[in-house]
Amino acid sequence: MHIWQELLQWFGGFAVLASALTYLLKTIITHSLSKDLEIFKAQLDEKLEDHKDQLQRETKRFEHSLAVLAQEQSARFTKLHEKRVGLLTKMYYLLENSYNGMDWLNVGCEEPSGTLVEGCAQETQTTNRKLFDFFRRNKLYFSEVLAQQIQTVVFDLQSFPFDILVATSPGHTPEEVTQCRLKFIADWKEQSPKLRQAMSLVEAEFRKLLGSDIETFSGRN
């Protein structure tokens, strides 16, 4: 009986010791895990802050690149805008020269003696050729509607003075010259409104770019 009591006491003491050791081990592990968790959390926070800083730097670089690109696009647009304004001004000037030349040639054709026809025809052909060459080089800068309208007029203007020059060259009878003059008068009567319309479209395009209130050519007396 005495032995069993000693054994029970021994096992009881061992159980208490084991329980104490288990608690101590659990406490040590829990403390270690908690410490590791804090370290991991601190490292994670540090990495997160680094990532935020990197993201902010990349965002700033991207915003700067966008700003530079916007400035470059704005500069190119401004230059293109200024170029179009200059080309429209030149286009109107050449159209007006052609109109005045053709109108003066028409006066020459209406004059009975016909002495003004040959000189006017040569000058008008030169003026119209300048208009044709300028339009051919720069038509892509104009709107599609304007380019089509000008193209029709510019192409038609090439033939009228040329026909007069041919008719007034040596080897043609006065009757042929008279017939050509009358034909020019009739053709110009049909062509002049088209040329005025082209000039009006150029002015409208010009006003659209600059917000100008200039009166159109077709509205003048």
C-alpha atoms as a PDB file:
ATOM      1  CA  MET A   1       0.000   0.000   0.000  1.00  0.00           C
ATOM      2  CA  HIS A   2       2.878   2.293   0.824  1.00  0.00           C
ATOM      3  CA  ILE A   3       4.409   1.663  -2.633  1.00  0.00           C
ATOM      4  CA  TRP A   4       1.247   2.560  -4.459  1.00  0.00           C
ATOM      5  CA  GLN A   5       0.985   5.793  -2.561  1.00  0.00           C
ATOM      6  CA  GLU A   6       4.544   6.661  -3.504  1.00  0.00           C
ATOM      7  CA  LEU A   7       3.834   5.813  -7.137  1.00  0.00           C
ATOM      8  CA  LEU A   8       0.740   7.957  -7.184  1.00  0.00           C
ATOM      9  CA  GLN A   9       2.623  10.809  -5.613  1.00  0.00           C
ATOM     10  CA  TRP A  10       5.399  10.361  -8.146  1.00  0.00           C
ATOM     11  CA  PHE A  11       3.009  10.293 -11.112  1.00  0.00           C
ATOM     12  CA  GLY A  12       1.133  13.234  -9.665  1.00  0.00           C
ATOM     13  CA  GLY A  13       4.303  15.208  -9.348  1.00  0.00           C
ATOM     14  CA  PHE A  14       5.311  14.209 -12.862  1.00  0.00           C
ATOM     15  CA  ALA A  15       1.921  15.306 -14.215  1.00  0.00           C
ATOM     16  CA  VAL A  16       2.274  18.649 -12.492  1.00  0.00           C
ATOM     17  CA  LEU A  17       5.788  18.996 -13.853  1.00  0.00           C
ATOM     18  CA  ALA A  18       4.663  17.981 -17.355  1.00  0.00           C
ATOM     19  CA  SER A  19       1.788  20.405 -17.203  1.00  0.00           C
ATOM     20  CA  ALA A  20       4.137  23.152 -16.092  1.00  0.00           C
ATOM     21  CA  LEU A  21       6.597  22.300 -18.826  1.00  0.00           C
ATOM     22  CA  THR A  22       3.799  22.233 -21.413  1.00  0.00           C
ATOM     23  CA  TYR A  23       2.554  25.617 -20.266  1.00  0.00           C
ATOM     24  CA  LEU A  24       6.070  27.026 -20.285  1.00  0.00           C
ATOM     25  CA  LEU A  25       6.735  25.620 -23.756  1.00  0.00           C
ATOM     26  CA  LYS A  26       3.424  26.970 -25.024  1.00  0.00           C
ATOM     27  CA  THR A  27       4.219  30.371 -23.560  1.00  0.00           C
ATOM     28  CA  ILE A  28       7.661  30.390 -25.166  1.00  0.00           C
ATOM     29  CA  ILE A  29       6.251  29.356 -28.570  1.00  0.00           C
ATOM     30  CA  THR A  30       3.433  31.878 -28.328  1.00  0.00           C
ATOM     31  CA  HIS A  31       5.859  34.654 -27.413  1.00  0.00           C
ATOM     32  CA  SER A  32       8.194  33.626 -30.225  1.00  0.00           C
ATOM     33  CA  LEU A  33       5.368  33.535 -32.758  1.00  0.00           C
ATOM     34  CA  SER A  34       4.074  36.881 -31.573  1.00  0.00           C
ATOM     35  CA  LYS A  35       7.538  38.388 -31.886  1.00  0.00           C
ATOM     36  CA  ASP A  36       7.977  36.870 -35.361  1.00  0.00           C
ATOM     37  CA  LEU A  37       4.557  38.183 -36.329  1.00  0.00           C
ATOM     38  CA  GLU A  38       5.497  41.695 -35.226  1.00  0.00           C
ATOM     39  CA  ILE A  39       8.757  41.480 -37.162  1.00  0.00           C
ATOM     40  CA  PHE A  40       6.941  40.205 -40.243  1.00  0.00           C
ATOM     41  CA  LYS A  41       4.323  42.923 -39.910  1.00  0.00           C
ATOM     42  CA  ALA A  42       7.034  45.577 -39.566  1.00  0.00           C
ATOM     43  CA  GLN A  43       8.819  44.207 -42.643  1.00  0.00           C
ATOM     44  CA  LEU A  44       5.534  44.119 -44.547  1.00  0.00           C
ATOM     45  CA  ASP A  45       4.772  47.717 -43.562  1.00  0.00           C
ATOM     46  CA  GLU A  46       8.245  48.767 -44.659  1.00  0.00           C
ATOM     47  CA  LYS A  47       7.855  47.041 -48.020  1.00  0.00           C
ATOM     48  CA  LEU A  48       4.417  48.598 -48.421  1.00  0.00           C
ATOM     49  CA  GLU A  49       5.808  52.073 -47.769  1.00  0.00           C
ATOM     50  CA  ASP A  50       8.628  51.431 -50.254  1.00  0.00           C
ATOM     51  CA  HIS A  51       6.069  50.278 -52.802  1.00  0.00           C
ATOM     52  CA  LYS A  52       3.960  53.384 -52.184  1.00  0.00           C
ATOM     53  CA  ASP A  53       7.006  55.620 -52.609  1.00  0.00           C
ATOM     54  CA  GLN A  54       7.987  53.838 -55.829  1.00  0.00           C
ATOM     55  CA  LEU A  55       4.425  54.067 -57.125  1.00  0.00           C
ATOM     56  CA  GLN A  56       4.306  57.799 -56.340  1.00  0.00           C
ATOM     57  CA  ARG A  57       7.630  58.363 -58.114  1.00  0.00           C
ATOM     58  CA  GLU A  58       6.439  56.423 -61.168  1.00  0.00           C
ATOM     59  CA  THR A  59       3.149  58.332 -61.122  1.00  0.00           C
ATOM     60  CA  LYS A  60       5.009  61.650 -61.019  1.00  0.00           C
ATOM     61  CA  ARG A  61       7.274  60.549 -63.880  1.00  0.00           C
ATOM     62  CA  PHE A  62       4.223  59.466 -65.874  1.00  0.00           C
ATOM     63  CA  GLU A  63       2.445  62.769 -65.161  1.00  0.00           C
ATOM     64  CA  HIS A  64       5.578  64.646 -66.199  1.00  0.00           C
ATOM     65  CA  SER A  65       5.788  62.628 -69.427  1.00  0.00           C
ATOM     66  CA  LEU A  66       2.133  63.374 -70.141  1.00  0.00           C
ATOM     67  CA  ALA A  67       2.692  67.072 -69.488  1.00  0.00           C
ATOM     68  CA  VAL A  68       5.694  67.135 -71.840  1.00  0.00           C
ATOM     69  CA  LEU A  69       3.716  65.247 -74.492  1.00  0.00           C
ATOM     70  CA  ALA A  70       0.779  67.641 -74.095  1.00  0.00           C
ATOM     71  CA  GLN A  71       3.112  70.625 -74.507  1.00  0.00           C
ATOM     72  CA  GLU A  72       4.668  69.078 -77.612  1.00  0.00           C
ATOM     73  CA  GLN A  73       1.240  68.336 -79.086  1.00  0.00           C
ATOM     74  CA  SER A  74       0.081  71.857 -78.249  1.00  0.00           C
ATOM     75  CA  ALA A  75       3.179  73.344 -79.889  1.00  0.00           C
ATOM     76  CA  ARG A  76       2.694  71.230 -83.015  1.00  0.00           C
ATOM     77  CA  PHE A  77      -0.997  72.133 -83.151  1.00  0.00           C
ATOM     78  CA  THR A  78      -0.169  75.822 -82.728  1.00  0.00           C
ATOM     79  CA  LYS A  79       2.377  75.679 -85.544  1.00  0.00           C
ATOM     80  CA  LEU A  80      -0.069  73.785 -87.755  1.00  0.00           C
ATOM     81  CA  HIS A  81      -2.807  76.282 -86.906  1.00  0.00           C
ATOM     82  CA  GLU A  82      -0.541  79.215 -87.767  1.00  0.00           C
ATOM     83  CA  LYS A  83       0.556  77.515 -90.999  1.00  0.00           C
ATOM     84  CA  ARG A  84      -3.063  76.927 -92.059  1.00  0.00           C
ATOM     85  CA  VAL A  85      -3.924  80.565 -91.355  1.00  0.00           C
ATOM     86  CA  GLY A  86      -0.978  81.673 -93.502  1.00  0.00           C
ATOM     87  CA  LEU A  87      -1.899  79.285 -96.307  1.00  0.00           C
ATOM     88  CA  LEU A  88      -5.522  80.416 -96.291  1.00  0.00           C
ATOM     89  CA  THR A  89      -4.388  84.025 -96.511  1.00  0.00           C
ATOM     90  CA  LYS A  90      -2.129  83.178 -99.457  1.00  0.00           C
ATOM     91  CA  MET A  91      -4.865  81.093-101.059  1.00  0.00           C
ATOM     92  CA  TYR A  92      -7.326  83.956-100.903  1.00  0.00           C
ATOM     93  CA  TYR A  93      -4.732  86.363-102.290  1.00  0.00           C
ATOM     94  CA  LEU A  94      -4.063  84.091-105.284  1.00  0.00           C
ATOM     95  CA  LEU A  95      -7.757  83.467-105.891  1.00  0.00           C
ATOM     96  CA  GLU A  96      -8.411  87.205-105.820  1.00  0.00           C
ATOM     97  CA  ASN A  97      -5.548  87.812-108.274  1.00  0.00           C
ATOM     98  CA  SER A  98      -6.973  85.210-110.612  1.00  0.00           C
ATOM     99  CA  TYR A  99     -10.441  86.693-110.309  1.00  0.00           C
ATOM    100  CA  ASN A 100      -9.170  90.196-111.087  1.00  0.00           C
ATOM    101  CA  GLY A 101      -7.072  88.902-113.976  1.00  0.00           C
ATOM    102  CA  MET A 102      -9.938  86.945-115.470  1.00  0.00           C
ATOM    103  CA  ASP A 103     -12.307  89.880-115.009  1.00  0.00           C
ATOM    104  CA  TRP A 104      -9.856  92.215-116.727  1.00  0.00           C
ATOM    105  CA  LEU A 105      -9.413  89.700-119.561  1.00  0.00           C
ATOM    106  CA  ASN A 106     -13.186  89.636-119.898  1.00  0.00           C
ATOM    107  CA  VAL A 107     -13.129  93.426-120.292  1.00  0.00           C
ATOM    108  CA  GLY A 108     -10.509  92.983-122.989  1.00  0.00           C
ATOM    109  CA  CYS A 109     -12.678  90.466-124.792  1.00  0.00           C
ATOM    110  CA  GLU A 110     -15.647  92.832-124.647  1.00  0.00           C
ATOM    111  CA  GLU A 111     -13.569  95.745-126.027  1.00  0.00           C
ATOM    112  CA  PRO A 112     -14.302  95.949-129.798  1.00  0.00           C
ATOM    113  CA  SER A 113     -10.731  96.460-131.003  1.00  0.00           C
ATOM    114  CA  GLY A 114      -9.405  93.440-129.102  1.00  0.00           C
ATOM    115  CA  THR A 115      -6.050  95.143-128.524  1.00  0.00           C
ATOM    116  CA  LEU A 116      -6.045  94.273-124.807  1.00  0.00           C
ATOM    117  CA  VAL A 117      -6.753  90.587-125.216  1.00  0.00           C
ATOM    118  CA  GLU A 118      -3.328  89.124-125.948  1.00  0.00           C
ATOM    119  CA  GLY A 119      -1.447  90.890-123.146  1.00  0.00           C
ATOM    120  CA  CYS A 120      -4.193  90.232-120.607  1.00  0.00           C
ATOM    121  CA  ALA A 121      -4.363  86.582-121.583  1.00  0.00           C
ATOM    122  CA  GLN A 122      -0.637  86.073-121.023  1.00  0.00           C
ATOM    123  CA  GLU A 123      -0.686  87.745-117.603  1.00  0.00           C
ATOM    124  CA  THR A 124      -3.811  85.887-116.538  1.00  0.00           C
ATOM    125  CA  GLN A 125      -2.393  82.547-117.586  1.00  0.00           C
ATOM    126  CA  THR A 126       0.712  83.221-115.461  1.00  0.00           C
ATOM    127  CA  THR A 127      -1.438  84.229-112.475  1.00  0.00           C
ATOM    128  CA  ASN A 128      -3.661  81.190-112.799  1.00  0.00           C
ATOM    129  CA  ARG A 129      -0.624  78.931-113.046  1.00  0.00           C
ATOM    130  CA  LYS A 130       0.719  80.308-109.741  1.00  0.00           C
ATOM    131  CA  LEU A 131      -2.652  79.557-108.172  1.00  0.00           C
ATOM    132  CA  PHE A 132      -2.615  76.019-109.562  1.00  0.00           C
ATOM    133  CA  ASP A 133       0.922  75.276-108.329  1.00  0.00           C
ATOM    134  CA  PHE A 134       0.240  76.697-104.866  1.00  0.00           C
ATOM    135  CA  PHE A 135      -2.956  74.693-104.458  1.00  0.00           C
ATOM    136  CA  ARG A 136      -1.318  71.482-105.673  1.00  0.00           C
ATOM    137  CA  ARG A 137       1.445  71.807-103.053  1.00  0.00           C
ATOM    138  CA  ASN A 138      -0.800  72.741-100.116  1.00  0.00           C
ATOM    139  CA  LYS A 139      -4.255  71.250-100.695  1.00  0.00           C
ATOM    140  CA  LEU A 140      -3.853  68.736 -97.829  1.00  0.00           C
ATOM    141  CA  TYR A 141      -3.905  71.605 -95.332  1.00  0.00           C
ATOM    142  CA  PHE A 142      -7.444  72.596 -96.356  1.00  0.00           C
ATOM    143  CA  SER A 143     -10.694  70.925 -95.366  1.00  0.00           C
ATOM    144  CA  GLU A 144     -12.053  68.346 -97.791  1.00  0.00           C
ATOM    145  CA  VAL A 145     -15.012  70.507 -98.831  1.00  0.00           C
ATOM    146  CA  LEU A 146     -12.818  73.542 -99.412  1.00  0.00           C
ATOM    147  CA  ALA A 147     -10.169  71.560-101.282  1.00  0.00           C
ATOM    148  CA  GLN A 148     -12.750  70.048-103.642  1.00  0.00           C
ATOM    149  CA  GLN A 149     -14.336  73.428-104.327  1.00  0.00           C
ATOM    150  CA  ILE A 150     -10.989  75.102-105.026  1.00  0.00           C
ATOM    151  CA  GLN A 151      -9.753  72.192-107.124  1.00  0.00           C
ATOM    152  CA  THR A 152     -12.705  72.414-109.503  1.00  0.00           C
ATOM    153  CA  VAL A 153     -12.196  76.155-109.961  1.00  0.00           C
ATOM    154  CA  VAL A 154      -8.405  75.977-110.251  1.00  0.00           C
ATOM    155  CA  PHE A 155      -8.483  73.292-112.924  1.00  0.00           C
ATOM    156  CA  ASP A 156     -11.090  75.159-114.965  1.00  0.00           C
ATOM    157  CA  LEU A 157      -9.078  78.385-114.823  1.00  0.00           C
ATOM    158  CA  GLN A 158      -6.161  76.799-116.669  1.00  0.00           C
ATOM    159  CA  SER A 159      -7.939  76.457-119.990  1.00  0.00           C
ATOM    160  CA  PHE A 160      -9.600  79.864-120.507  1.00  0.00           C
ATOM    161  CA  PRO A 161      -6.566  82.148-120.980  1.00  0.00           C
ATOM    162  CA  PHE A 162      -4.782  79.403-122.906  1.00  0.00           C
ATOM    163  CA  ASP A 163      -7.573  79.233-125.480  1.00  0.00           C
ATOM    164  CA  ILE A 164      -7.348  83.004-125.961  1.00  0.00           C
ATOM    165  CA  LEU A 165      -3.570  82.819-126.430  1.00  0.00           C
ATOM    166  CA  VAL A 166      -3.956  80.106-129.047  1.00  0.00           C
ATOM    167  CA  ALA A 167      -6.653  82.036-130.902  1.00  0.00           C
ATOM    168  CA  THR A 168      -4.599  85.244-130.964  1.00  0.00           C
ATOM    169  CA  SER A 169      -1.382  83.554-132.138  1.00  0.00           C
ATOM    170  CA  PRO A 170      -0.287  83.915-135.792  1.00  0.00           C
ATOM    171  CA  GLY A 171      -2.223  81.883-138.317  1.00  0.00           C
ATOM    172  CA  HIS A 172      -5.719  82.488-136.963  1.00  0.00           C
ATOM    173  CA  THR A 173      -8.319  84.621-138.676  1.00  0.00           C
ATOM    174  CA  PRO A 174     -10.068  87.587-137.045  1.00  0.00           C
ATOM    175  CA  GLU A 175     -13.267  85.564-137.111  1.00  0.00           C
ATOM    176  CA  GLU A 176     -11.627  82.803-135.044  1.00  0.00           C
ATOM    177  CA  VAL A 177     -10.374  85.368-132.558  1.00  0.00           C
ATOM    178  CA  THR A 178     -13.827  86.930-132.291  1.00  0.00           C
ATOM    179  CA  GLN A 179     -15.445  83.540-131.788  1.00  0.00           C
ATOM    180  CA  CYS A 180     -12.929  82.693-129.031  1.00  0.00           C
ATOM    181  CA  ARG A 181     -13.514  86.043-127.339  1.00  0.00           C
ATOM    182  CA  LEU A 182     -17.279  85.521-127.315  1.00  0.00           C
ATOM    183  CA  LYS A 183     -16.821  82.025-125.934  1.00  0.00           C
ATOM    184  CA  PHE A 184     -14.606  83.368-123.157  1.00  0.00           C
ATOM    185  CA  ILE A 185     -17.209  85.995-122.221  1.00  0.00           C
ATOM    186  CA  ALA A 186     -19.890  83.286-121.952  1.00  0.00           C
ATOM    187  CA  ASP A 187     -17.619  80.907-120.026  1.00  0.00           C
ATOM    188  CA  TRP A 188     -16.508  83.604-117.596  1.00  0.00           C
ATOM    189  CA  LYS A 189     -20.105  84.539-116.895  1.00  0.00           C
ATOM    190  CA  GLU A 190     -20.608  80.944-115.771  1.00  0.00           C
ATOM    191  CA  GLN A 191     -17.237  80.565-114.058  1.00  0.00           C
ATOM    192  CA  SER A 192     -17.018  83.805-112.070  1.00  0.00           C
ATOM    193  CA  PRO A 193     -19.692  82.839-109.468  1.00  0.00           C
ATOM    194  CA  LYS A 194     -17.789  79.591-108.818  1.00  0.00           C
ATOM    195  CA  LEU A 195     -14.600  81.536-108.212  1.00  0.00           C
ATOM    196  CA  ARG A 196     -16.409  83.943-105.884  1.00  0.00           C
ATOM    197  CA  GLN A 197     -17.852  80.956-104.028  1.00  0.00           C
ATOM    198  CA  ALA A 198     -14.384  79.465-103.597  1.00  0.00           C
ATOM    199  CA  MET A 199     -13.178  82.772-102.188  1.00  0.00           C
ATOM    200  CA  SER A 200     -16.120  82.855 -99.788  1.00  0.00           C
ATOM    201  CA  LEU A 201     -15.284  79.352 -98.557  1.00  0.00           C
ATOM    202  CA  VAL A 202     -11.677  80.365 -97.974  1.00  0.00           C
ATOM    203  CA  GLU A 203     -12.868  83.352 -95.942  1.00  0.00           C
ATOM    204  CA  ALA A 204     -15.268  81.145 -93.973  1.00  0.00           C
ATOM    205  CA  GLU A 205     -12.449  78.733 -93.180  1.00  0.00           C
ATOM    206  CA  PHE A 206     -10.272  81.662 -92.167  1.00  0.00           C
ATOM    207  CA  ARG A 207     -12.957  83.049 -89.845  1.00  0.00           C
ATOM    208  CA  LYS A 208     -13.481  79.602 -88.342  1.00  0.00           C
ATOM    209  CA  LEU A 209      -9.815  79.410 -87.362  1.00  0.00           C
ATOM    210  CA  LEU A 210      -9.539  82.953 -86.003  1.00  0.00           C
ATOM    211  CA  GLY A 211     -13.092  83.772 -84.958  1.00  0.00           C
ATOM    212  CA  SER A 212     -13.068  86.744 -87.325  1.00  0.00           C
ATOM    213  CA  ASP A 213     -16.178  88.623 -88.456  1.00  0.00           C
ATOM    214  CA  ILE A 214     -14.838  89.576 -91.873  1.00  0.00           C
ATOM    215  CA  GLU A 215     -17.550  89.985 -94.483  1.00  0.00           C
ATOM    216  CA  THR A 216     -17.426  87.352 -97.201  1.00  0.00           C
ATOM    217  CA  PHE A 217     -16.501  88.206-100.756  1.00  0.00           C
ATOM    218  CA  SER A 218     -19.859  86.988-102.056  1.00  0.00           C
ATOM    219  CA  GLY A 219     -21.638  89.492 -99.830  1.00  0.00           C
ATOM    220  CA  ARG A 220     -19.851  92.502-101.246  1.00  0.00           C
ATOM    221  CA  ASN A 221     -21.355  94.759-103.835  1.00  0.00           C
END
